[in-house]
């Protein structure tokens, strides 16, 4: 891989880390890589639950990135953040990870709905 491609990849990793910090409020940074890429996930942070591979270019190979992440992970579920030149950023994960993530979201939604219902019921009792 040439220096321009490596630099482009580093810029994309920094952009992904910045977006996670700003949009999701999770303290992450770009991971430190050796030439083999086995030193760390591309995105690291104490509370970041995913082994993350970032790929950018004309044709990022998402399947190869998933395989690389599965090979290198320290046990965390894998996530690939990819972006074709001048297109939207995509996130790819295995179905089992997606399912667990949505089950967690559903539990939060259910708890919020219950809390809202209790708040509404308290308001009705206060009015009586």
Protein backbone atom coordinates (compact mmCIF):
# COMPACT_ATOMS: atom_id res chain seq x y z
CA UNK A 1 0.00 0.00 0.00
CA UNK A 2 1.39 3.41 -0.99
CA UNK A 3 1.91 6.35 1.34
CA UNK A 4 -1.06 8.28 -0.14
CA UNK A 5 -3.38 5.33 0.55
CA UNK A 6 -2.03 4.92 4.09
CA UNK A 7 -2.46 8.64 4.76
CA UNK A 8 -6.01 8.52 3.37
CA UNK A 9 -6.77 5.58 5.67
CA UNK A 10 -5.36 7.41 8.70
CA UNK A 11 -7.45 10.49 7.89
CA UNK A 12 -10.57 8.33 7.62
CA UNK A 13 -9.82 6.60 10.94
CA UNK A 14 -9.43 10.03 12.59
CA UNK A 15 -12.71 11.18 11.00
CA UNK A 16 -14.55 8.07 12.27
CA UNK A 17 -13.14 8.56 15.78
CA UNK A 18 -14.17 12.24 15.73
CA UNK A 19 -17.71 11.38 14.59
CA UNK A 20 -18.07 8.72 17.31
CA UNK A 21 -16.94 11.25 19.94
CA UNK A 22 -19.14 14.09 18.65
CA UNK A 23 -22.25 12.19 17.54
CA UNK A 24 -22.30 9.34 20.06
CA UNK A 25 -20.48 10.91 23.00
CA UNK A 26 -18.05 7.99 23.37
CA UNK A 27 -14.42 8.78 24.14
CA UNK A 28 -12.46 7.02 21.39
CA UNK A 29 -9.34 7.61 19.36
CA UNK A 30 -7.60 6.14 16.36
CA UNK A 31 -5.79 2.93 17.31
CA UNK A 32 -2.04 2.56 16.86
CA UNK A 33 -1.15 0.17 14.08
CA UNK A 34 1.96 -1.74 13.17
CA UNK A 35 2.59 -2.73 9.57
CA UNK A 36 0.78 -6.02 10.21
CA UNK A 37 -2.27 -4.16 11.59
CA UNK A 38 -2.49 -6.52 14.57
CA UNK A 39 -1.62 -4.04 17.30
CA UNK A 40 -5.06 -2.60 17.89
CA UNK A 41 -8.50 -2.01 16.54
CA UNK A 42 -8.60 1.00 14.19
CA UNK A 43 -10.81 2.73 16.78
CA UNK A 44 -10.10 2.29 20.48
CA UNK A 45 -11.53 3.54 23.75
CA UNK A 46 -12.21 2.18 27.22
CA UNK A 47 -15.98 2.13 26.67
CA UNK A 48 -16.01 1.33 22.93
CA UNK A 49 -17.45 -2.19 22.70
CA UNK A 50 -16.42 -3.06 19.11
CA UNK A 51 -13.29 -4.23 17.34
CA UNK A 52 -13.44 -1.75 14.48
CA UNK A 53 -11.89 -1.82 11.03
CA UNK A 54 -12.07 1.34 8.91
CA UNK A 55 -11.75 1.07 5.13
CA UNK A 56 -11.87 3.89 2.57
CA UNK A 57 -11.22 4.08 -1.16
CA UNK A 58 -12.66 3.41 -4.59
CA UNK A 59 -13.74 -0.13 -3.68
CA UNK A 60 -13.25 -0.96 -0.01
CA UNK A 61 -13.44 -4.73 0.44
CA UNK A 62 -15.96 -5.06 3.26
CA UNK A 63 -15.93 -8.88 3.34
CA UNK A 64 -12.12 -8.93 3.64
CA UNK A 65 -12.37 -6.28 6.38
CA UNK A 66 -14.87 -8.39 8.35
CA UNK A 67 -12.56 -11.41 8.01
CA UNK A 68 -9.58 -9.32 9.14
CA UNK A 69 -11.48 -7.98 12.14
CA UNK A 70 -12.68 -11.48 13.13
CA UNK A 71 -9.11 -12.75 12.88
CA UNK A 72 -7.63 -9.90 14.93
CA UNK A 73 -10.34 -9.21 17.53
CA UNK A 74 -9.62 -9.54 21.22
CA UNK A 75 -13.09 -11.04 21.69
CA UNK A 76 -15.17 -7.94 21.07
CA UNK A 77 -17.81 -8.04 18.31
CA UNK A 78 -16.51 -6.74 14.99
CA UNK A 79 -17.63 -3.65 13.14
CA UNK A 80 -16.49 -2.34 9.75
CA UNK A 81 -16.84 1.33 8.92
CA UNK A 82 -16.34 1.85 5.19
CA UNK A 83 -16.61 4.65 2.70
CA UNK A 84 -16.31 4.63 -1.04
CA UNK A 85 -14.78 7.80 -2.45
CA UNK A 86 -17.34 10.65 -2.49
CA UNK A 87 -20.12 8.45 -1.03
CA UNK A 88 -21.80 7.99 2.35
CA UNK A 89 -20.10 6.16 5.19
CA UNK A 90 -21.47 2.67 5.87
CA UNK A 91 -21.35 0.45 8.94
CA UNK A 92 -21.29 -3.35 8.57
CA UNK A 93 -21.60 -5.97 11.30
CA UNK A 94 -22.59 -9.60 11.66
CA UNK A 95 -26.28 -10.32 12.16
CA UNK A 96 -25.73 -11.64 15.70
CA UNK A 97 -24.11 -8.32 16.70
CA UNK A 98 -26.89 -6.35 15.01
CA UNK A 99 -29.54 -8.44 16.77
CA UNK A 100 -27.92 -7.97 20.22
CA UNK A 101 -27.63 -4.24 19.60
CA UNK A 102 -31.30 -3.90 18.66
CA UNK A 103 -32.39 -6.07 21.59
CA UNK A 104 -30.57 -3.62 23.86
CA UNK A 105 -32.25 -0.67 22.15
CA UNK A 106 -35.66 -2.35 22.50
CA UNK A 107 -35.08 -2.83 26.25
CA UNK A 108 -34.21 0.87 26.63
CA UNK A 109 -37.28 1.92 24.63
CA UNK A 110 -39.49 -0.33 26.76
CA UNK A 111 -38.03 1.13 29.97
CA UNK A 112 -38.53 4.69 28.68
CA UNK A 113 -42.11 3.92 27.67
CA UNK A 114 -42.82 2.44 31.12
CA UNK A 115 -41.26 5.47 32.81
CA UNK A 116 -43.29 7.83 30.63
CA UNK A 117 -46.50 5.90 31.38
CA UNK A 118 -45.77 6.07 35.13
CA UNK A 119 -45.11 9.81 34.86
CA UNK A 120 -48.40 10.32 33.03
CA UNK A 121 -50.27 8.25 35.64
CA UNK A 122 -48.69 10.28 38.46
CA UNK A 123 -49.80 13.47 36.73
CA UNK A 124 -53.40 12.22 36.52
CA UNK A 125 -53.38 11.28 40.22
CA UNK A 126 -52.01 14.73 41.14
CA UNK A 127 -54.83 16.41 39.20
CA UNK A 128 -57.51 14.44 41.04
